[in-house]
Amino acid sequence: MVNWPAIVKHSDDAELIYVGDEAEWNNDAELYSCEYDVTDCLIDAAGNVFSLTNKKNKRIIPEPNGDSVGLDELLGLIKAHAAQKGSCCVAKLYAPTIAEAFKIVASLNEA
C-alpha cells in the first residue's frame, strides 16, 4: 500500500513527478496509464519504492519491490530535480525528514 504523497522517478531523467494522493493518481491518465520502463519507480512518503510495470485493465498498479530510499538519497534526487528546474542554491536544500523532503518537491512543482 502506497503512503501518499509519492513521487514518480523516471530512470533516465532527473525530473520528479509529485503525486499528492491516491485520488490524483487514479484521476490522471498520464500517471496511471503511462508506459513505464522497468527501472522507473514510485517512491512514497515512507521511502518505500514501488515498481510501475504491473498493469491491470489498462491501469498501472504500483507494486512494492522491497527497496526503500533513505533521506540522503531522496535529497540527492530532489537536488537533481531542482537543478534541472533551474533553482538556485540547490546545494543548500535540506529537509530533516522524508515528509519534509516531499514538501520541497511539491513546492518545486508549483513553481
N, C-alpha and C. Protein backbone atom coordinates (compact mmCIF):
# COMPACT_ATOMS: atom_id res chain seq x y z
N MET A 1 0.83 -1.18 0.00
CA MET A 1 0.00 0.00 0.00
C MET A 1 0.88 1.25 0.00
N VAL A 2 0.57 2.18 -0.86
CA VAL A 2 1.34 3.41 -1.01
C VAL A 2 0.97 4.39 0.12
N ASN A 3 1.99 4.95 0.75
CA ASN A 3 1.80 6.01 1.74
C ASN A 3 1.92 7.34 1.01
N TRP A 4 0.78 7.94 0.68
CA TRP A 4 0.77 9.17 -0.10
C TRP A 4 1.17 10.35 0.77
N PRO A 5 1.78 11.38 0.19
CA PRO A 5 2.08 11.61 -1.22
C PRO A 5 3.23 10.72 -1.69
N ALA A 6 3.45 10.78 -3.00
CA ALA A 6 4.51 9.98 -3.61
C ALA A 6 5.11 10.77 -4.77
N ILE A 7 6.23 10.28 -5.26
CA ILE A 7 6.84 10.87 -6.45
C ILE A 7 7.15 9.76 -7.44
N VAL A 8 7.02 10.10 -8.71
CA VAL A 8 7.41 9.19 -9.78
C VAL A 8 8.80 9.62 -10.23
N LYS A 9 9.69 8.65 -10.27
CA LYS A 9 11.07 8.88 -10.71
C LYS A 9 11.31 8.06 -11.96
N HIS A 10 11.51 8.77 -13.09
CA HIS A 10 11.89 8.08 -14.33
C HIS A 10 13.40 7.86 -14.29
N SER A 11 13.84 6.70 -14.67
CA SER A 11 15.25 6.34 -14.54
C SER A 11 16.17 7.19 -15.39
N ASP A 12 15.68 7.70 -16.50
CA ASP A 12 16.55 8.43 -17.42
C ASP A 12 16.40 9.95 -17.32
N ASP A 13 15.80 10.43 -16.22
CA ASP A 13 15.50 11.85 -16.11
C ASP A 13 15.55 12.28 -14.65
N ALA A 14 16.04 13.48 -14.39
CA ALA A 14 16.10 13.99 -13.02
C ALA A 14 14.76 14.53 -12.55
N GLU A 15 13.81 14.72 -13.48
CA GLU A 15 12.52 15.25 -13.09
C GLU A 15 11.78 14.29 -12.16
N LEU A 16 11.17 14.85 -11.13
CA LEU A 16 10.33 14.08 -10.23
C LEU A 16 8.90 14.56 -10.41
N ILE A 17 7.97 13.64 -10.48
CA ILE A 17 6.57 13.99 -10.62
C ILE A 17 5.89 13.77 -9.27
N TYR A 18 5.41 14.85 -8.68
CA TYR A 18 4.75 14.80 -7.38
C TYR A 18 3.30 14.35 -7.55
N VAL A 19 2.89 13.37 -6.75
CA VAL A 19 1.51 12.88 -6.76
C VAL A 19 0.99 13.02 -5.33
N GLY A 20 0.05 13.93 -5.13
CA GLY A 20 -0.41 14.28 -3.79
C GLY A 20 -1.15 13.20 -3.05
N ASP A 21 -1.95 12.43 -3.76
CA ASP A 21 -2.74 11.40 -3.09
C ASP A 21 -3.22 10.36 -4.10
N GLU A 22 -3.87 9.35 -3.59
CA GLU A 22 -4.35 8.26 -4.44
C GLU A 22 -5.38 8.75 -5.45
N ALA A 23 -6.21 9.69 -5.06
CA ALA A 23 -7.22 10.23 -5.98
C ALA A 23 -6.55 10.89 -7.18
N GLU A 24 -5.48 11.64 -6.92
CA GLU A 24 -4.75 12.28 -8.02
C GLU A 24 -4.18 11.21 -8.96
N TRP A 25 -3.61 10.15 -8.40
CA TRP A 25 -3.09 9.05 -9.21
C TRP A 25 -4.21 8.44 -10.06
N ASN A 26 -5.33 8.15 -9.43
CA ASN A 26 -6.44 7.48 -10.13
C ASN A 26 -7.15 8.37 -11.14
N ASN A 27 -7.03 9.68 -11.00
CA ASN A 27 -7.73 10.61 -11.90
C ASN A 27 -6.85 11.17 -13.01
N ASP A 28 -5.57 10.85 -13.01
CA ASP A 28 -4.65 11.37 -14.01
C ASP A 28 -4.18 10.25 -14.92
N ALA A 29 -4.79 10.17 -16.09
CA ALA A 29 -4.47 9.09 -17.03
C ALA A 29 -2.99 9.10 -17.43
N GLU A 30 -2.35 10.27 -17.43
CA GLU A 30 -0.93 10.33 -17.77
C GLU A 30 -0.08 9.61 -16.72
N LEU A 31 -0.58 9.51 -15.51
CA LEU A 31 0.15 8.80 -14.46
C LEU A 31 -0.14 7.31 -14.49
N TYR A 32 -1.40 6.94 -14.47
CA TYR A 32 -1.74 5.53 -14.30
C TYR A 32 -1.73 4.71 -15.58
N SER A 33 -1.66 5.36 -16.75
CA SER A 33 -1.67 4.57 -17.98
C SER A 33 -0.39 4.72 -18.79
N CYS A 34 0.59 5.40 -18.24
CA CYS A 34 1.87 5.61 -18.91
C CYS A 34 2.58 4.27 -19.12
N GLU A 35 3.40 4.22 -20.15
CA GLU A 35 4.25 3.04 -20.37
C GLU A 35 5.56 3.29 -19.63
N TYR A 36 5.65 2.81 -18.42
CA TYR A 36 6.84 2.99 -17.61
C TYR A 36 7.90 1.96 -17.97
N ASP A 37 9.15 2.38 -17.84
CA ASP A 37 10.28 1.48 -18.00
C ASP A 37 10.41 0.64 -16.73
N VAL A 38 11.02 -0.52 -16.82
CA VAL A 38 11.18 -1.37 -15.64
C VAL A 38 12.03 -0.70 -14.56
N THR A 39 12.83 0.29 -14.93
CA THR A 39 13.67 0.98 -13.95
C THR A 39 13.03 2.26 -13.41
N ASP A 40 11.86 2.64 -13.92
CA ASP A 40 11.11 3.76 -13.35
C ASP A 40 10.47 3.29 -12.06
N CYS A 41 10.22 4.20 -11.15
CA CYS A 41 9.62 3.79 -9.89
C CYS A 41 8.79 4.90 -9.27
N LEU A 42 8.02 4.51 -8.29
CA LEU A 42 7.27 5.43 -7.45
C LEU A 42 7.86 5.31 -6.05
N ILE A 43 8.13 6.45 -5.43
CA ILE A 43 8.66 6.48 -4.07
C ILE A 43 7.61 7.15 -3.19
N ASP A 44 7.22 6.46 -2.12
CA ASP A 44 6.17 7.03 -1.28
C ASP A 44 6.75 7.80 -0.10
N ALA A 45 5.87 8.41 0.68
CA ALA A 45 6.27 9.29 1.78
C ALA A 45 6.99 8.57 2.91
N ALA A 46 6.96 7.25 2.91
CA ALA A 46 7.71 6.47 3.90
C ALA A 46 9.06 6.02 3.35
N GLY A 47 9.34 6.37 2.08
CA GLY A 47 10.59 5.96 1.45
C GLY A 47 10.52 4.61 0.75
N ASN A 48 9.34 4.00 0.72
CA ASN A 48 9.18 2.71 0.05
C ASN A 48 9.19 2.91 -1.47
N VAL A 49 9.78 1.95 -2.17
CA VAL A 49 9.90 2.03 -3.62
C VAL A 49 8.94 1.01 -4.24
N PHE A 50 8.24 1.46 -5.29
CA PHE A 50 7.26 0.63 -5.98
C PHE A 50 7.60 0.55 -7.46
N SER A 51 7.49 -0.64 -8.03
CA SER A 51 7.67 -0.78 -9.48
C SER A 51 6.37 -0.35 -10.16
N LEU A 52 6.51 0.06 -11.42
CA LEU A 52 5.36 0.59 -12.17
C LEU A 52 5.13 -0.19 -13.45
N THR A 53 5.29 -1.50 -13.37
CA THR A 53 5.13 -2.33 -14.56
C THR A 53 3.91 -3.24 -14.48
N ASN A 54 3.24 -3.30 -13.34
CA ASN A 54 2.06 -4.13 -13.18
C ASN A 54 0.84 -3.38 -13.71
N LYS A 55 0.31 -3.87 -14.82
CA LYS A 55 -0.83 -3.20 -15.46
C LYS A 55 -2.03 -4.13 -15.47
N LYS A 56 -3.15 -3.64 -14.95
CA LYS A 56 -4.41 -4.38 -14.96
C LYS A 56 -5.49 -3.45 -15.48
N ASN A 57 -6.24 -3.91 -16.45
CA ASN A 57 -7.31 -3.11 -17.06
C ASN A 57 -6.80 -1.75 -17.51
N LYS A 58 -5.63 -1.75 -18.16
CA LYS A 58 -5.01 -0.55 -18.71
C LYS A 58 -4.61 0.48 -17.65
N ARG A 59 -4.45 0.05 -16.41
CA ARG A 59 -4.06 0.93 -15.31
C ARG A 59 -2.84 0.35 -14.61
N ILE A 60 -1.88 1.21 -14.32
CA ILE A 60 -0.70 0.80 -13.58
C ILE A 60 -1.07 0.65 -12.11
N ILE A 61 -0.70 -0.46 -11.53
CA ILE A 61 -0.88 -0.72 -10.11
C ILE A 61 0.51 -0.74 -9.47
N PRO A 62 0.87 0.31 -8.70
CA PRO A 62 2.19 0.30 -8.07
C PRO A 62 2.36 -0.92 -7.16
N GLU A 63 3.49 -1.61 -7.35
CA GLU A 63 3.77 -2.80 -6.55
C GLU A 63 5.06 -2.60 -5.76
N PRO A 64 5.03 -2.85 -4.44
CA PRO A 64 6.25 -2.70 -3.67
C PRO A 64 7.33 -3.65 -4.19
N ASN A 65 8.54 -3.14 -4.33
CA ASN A 65 9.61 -4.01 -4.83
C ASN A 65 10.58 -4.41 -3.72
N GLY A 66 10.28 -4.01 -2.48
CA GLY A 66 11.12 -4.40 -1.36
C GLY A 66 12.26 -3.44 -1.06
N ASP A 67 12.46 -2.46 -1.94
CA ASP A 67 13.52 -1.47 -1.72
C ASP A 67 12.96 -0.27 -0.97
N SER A 68 13.87 0.51 -0.43
CA SER A 68 13.47 1.78 0.19
C SER A 68 14.56 2.81 -0.08
N VAL A 69 14.17 4.05 0.05
CA VAL A 69 15.06 5.18 -0.19
C VAL A 69 15.22 5.91 1.14
N GLY A 70 16.45 6.18 1.51
CA GLY A 70 16.71 6.94 2.73
C GLY A 70 16.65 8.43 2.46
N LEU A 71 16.68 9.20 3.51
CA LEU A 71 16.58 10.65 3.40
C LEU A 71 17.71 11.22 2.54
N ASP A 72 18.93 10.79 2.75
CA ASP A 72 20.06 11.33 1.98
C ASP A 72 19.91 11.06 0.48
N GLU A 73 19.50 9.85 0.14
CA GLU A 73 19.31 9.50 -1.27
C GLU A 73 18.17 10.33 -1.87
N LEU A 74 17.07 10.48 -1.11
CA LEU A 74 15.94 11.26 -1.58
C LEU A 74 16.34 12.72 -1.79
N LEU A 75 17.11 13.27 -0.85
CA LEU A 75 17.57 14.65 -1.01
C LEU A 75 18.45 14.81 -2.25
N GLY A 76 19.24 13.80 -2.57
CA GLY A 76 20.04 13.82 -3.79
C GLY A 76 19.16 13.89 -5.03
N LEU A 77 18.10 13.10 -5.04
CA LEU A 77 17.15 13.13 -6.17
C LEU A 77 16.48 14.50 -6.27
N ILE A 78 16.11 15.06 -5.13
CA ILE A 78 15.44 16.37 -5.11
C ILE A 78 16.38 17.47 -5.58
N LYS A 79 17.64 17.41 -5.18
CA LYS A 79 18.61 18.41 -5.63
C LYS A 79 18.79 18.35 -7.14
N ALA A 80 18.87 17.15 -7.70
CA ALA A 80 19.00 17.00 -9.15
C ALA A 80 17.75 17.54 -9.85
N HIS A 81 16.60 17.27 -9.28
CA HIS A 81 15.33 17.77 -9.83
C HIS A 81 15.30 19.30 -9.79
N ALA A 82 15.69 19.88 -8.66
CA ALA A 82 15.70 21.33 -8.51
C ALA A 82 16.68 21.98 -9.48
N ALA A 83 17.84 21.36 -9.66
CA ALA A 83 18.83 21.90 -10.59
C ALA A 83 18.29 21.88 -12.02
N GLN A 84 17.60 20.80 -12.38
CA GLN A 84 17.02 20.70 -13.72
C GLN A 84 15.98 21.79 -13.94
N LYS A 85 15.25 22.15 -12.89
CA LYS A 85 14.24 23.19 -12.99
C LYS A 85 14.83 24.59 -12.93
N GLY A 86 16.16 24.69 -12.74
CA GLY A 86 16.82 25.98 -12.73
C GLY A 86 16.81 26.69 -11.39
N SER A 87 16.55 25.97 -10.32
CA SER A 87 16.55 26.57 -8.99
C SER A 87 17.97 26.95 -8.59
N CYS A 88 18.07 28.02 -7.83
CA CYS A 88 19.39 28.41 -7.34
C CYS A 88 19.60 27.84 -5.94
N CYS A 89 20.84 27.84 -5.51
CA CYS A 89 21.21 27.36 -4.17
C CYS A 89 20.78 25.92 -3.93
N VAL A 90 20.84 25.10 -4.95
CA VAL A 90 20.41 23.71 -4.85
C VAL A 90 21.19 22.96 -3.78
N ALA A 91 22.47 23.25 -3.66
CA ALA A 91 23.31 22.54 -2.69
C ALA A 91 22.83 22.75 -1.26
N LYS A 92 22.12 23.84 -1.02
CA LYS A 92 21.65 24.15 0.33
C LYS A 92 20.31 23.50 0.68
N LEU A 93 19.68 22.82 -0.29
CA LEU A 93 18.40 22.18 0.01
C LEU A 93 18.58 21.14 1.10
N TYR A 94 17.72 21.20 2.09
CA TYR A 94 17.80 20.25 3.19
C TYR A 94 16.41 20.06 3.78
N ALA A 95 16.16 18.86 4.25
CA ALA A 95 14.94 18.54 4.99
C ALA A 95 15.32 17.56 6.08
N PRO A 96 14.75 17.71 7.28
CA PRO A 96 15.09 16.81 8.38
C PRO A 96 14.40 15.45 8.30
N THR A 97 13.34 15.36 7.48
CA THR A 97 12.58 14.11 7.36
C THR A 97 12.17 13.90 5.91
N ILE A 98 11.80 12.67 5.59
CA ILE A 98 11.30 12.38 4.25
C ILE A 98 10.02 13.16 3.99
N ALA A 99 9.15 13.29 4.98
CA ALA A 99 7.91 14.06 4.80
C ALA A 99 8.21 15.50 4.42
N GLU A 100 9.19 16.10 5.07
CA GLU A 100 9.58 17.48 4.74
C GLU A 100 10.20 17.55 3.35
N ALA A 101 10.94 16.52 2.97
CA ALA A 101 11.53 16.49 1.63
C ALA A 101 10.44 16.46 0.56
N PHE A 102 9.36 15.76 0.82
CA PHE A 102 8.25 15.73 -0.13
C PHE A 102 7.62 17.11 -0.28
N LYS A 103 7.60 17.90 0.77
CA LYS A 103 7.07 19.26 0.68
C LYS A 103 7.93 20.11 -0.25
N ILE A 104 9.23 19.86 -0.28
CA ILE A 104 10.11 20.57 -1.20
C ILE A 104 9.74 20.24 -2.63
N VAL A 105 9.53 18.95 -2.91
CA VAL A 105 9.16 18.53 -4.27
C VAL A 105 7.84 19.18 -4.67
N ALA A 106 6.87 19.20 -3.77
CA ALA A 106 5.58 19.81 -4.07
C ALA A 106 5.76 21.28 -4.41
N SER A 107 6.58 21.98 -3.63
CA SER A 107 6.76 23.42 -3.87
C SER A 107 7.52 23.66 -5.18
N LEU A 108 8.48 22.81 -5.52
CA LEU A 108 9.20 22.96 -6.78
C LEU A 108 8.28 22.73 -7.97
N ASN A 109 7.33 21.83 -7.84
CA ASN A 109 6.41 21.55 -8.95
C ASN A 109 5.34 22.61 -9.09
N GLU A 110 5.11 23.41 -8.04
CA GLU A 110 4.15 24.51 -8.13
C GLU A 110 4.74 25.71 -8.85
N ALA A 111 6.06 25.82 -8.79
CA ALA A 111 6.73 27.00 -9.37
C ALA A 111 6.72 26.96 -10.89
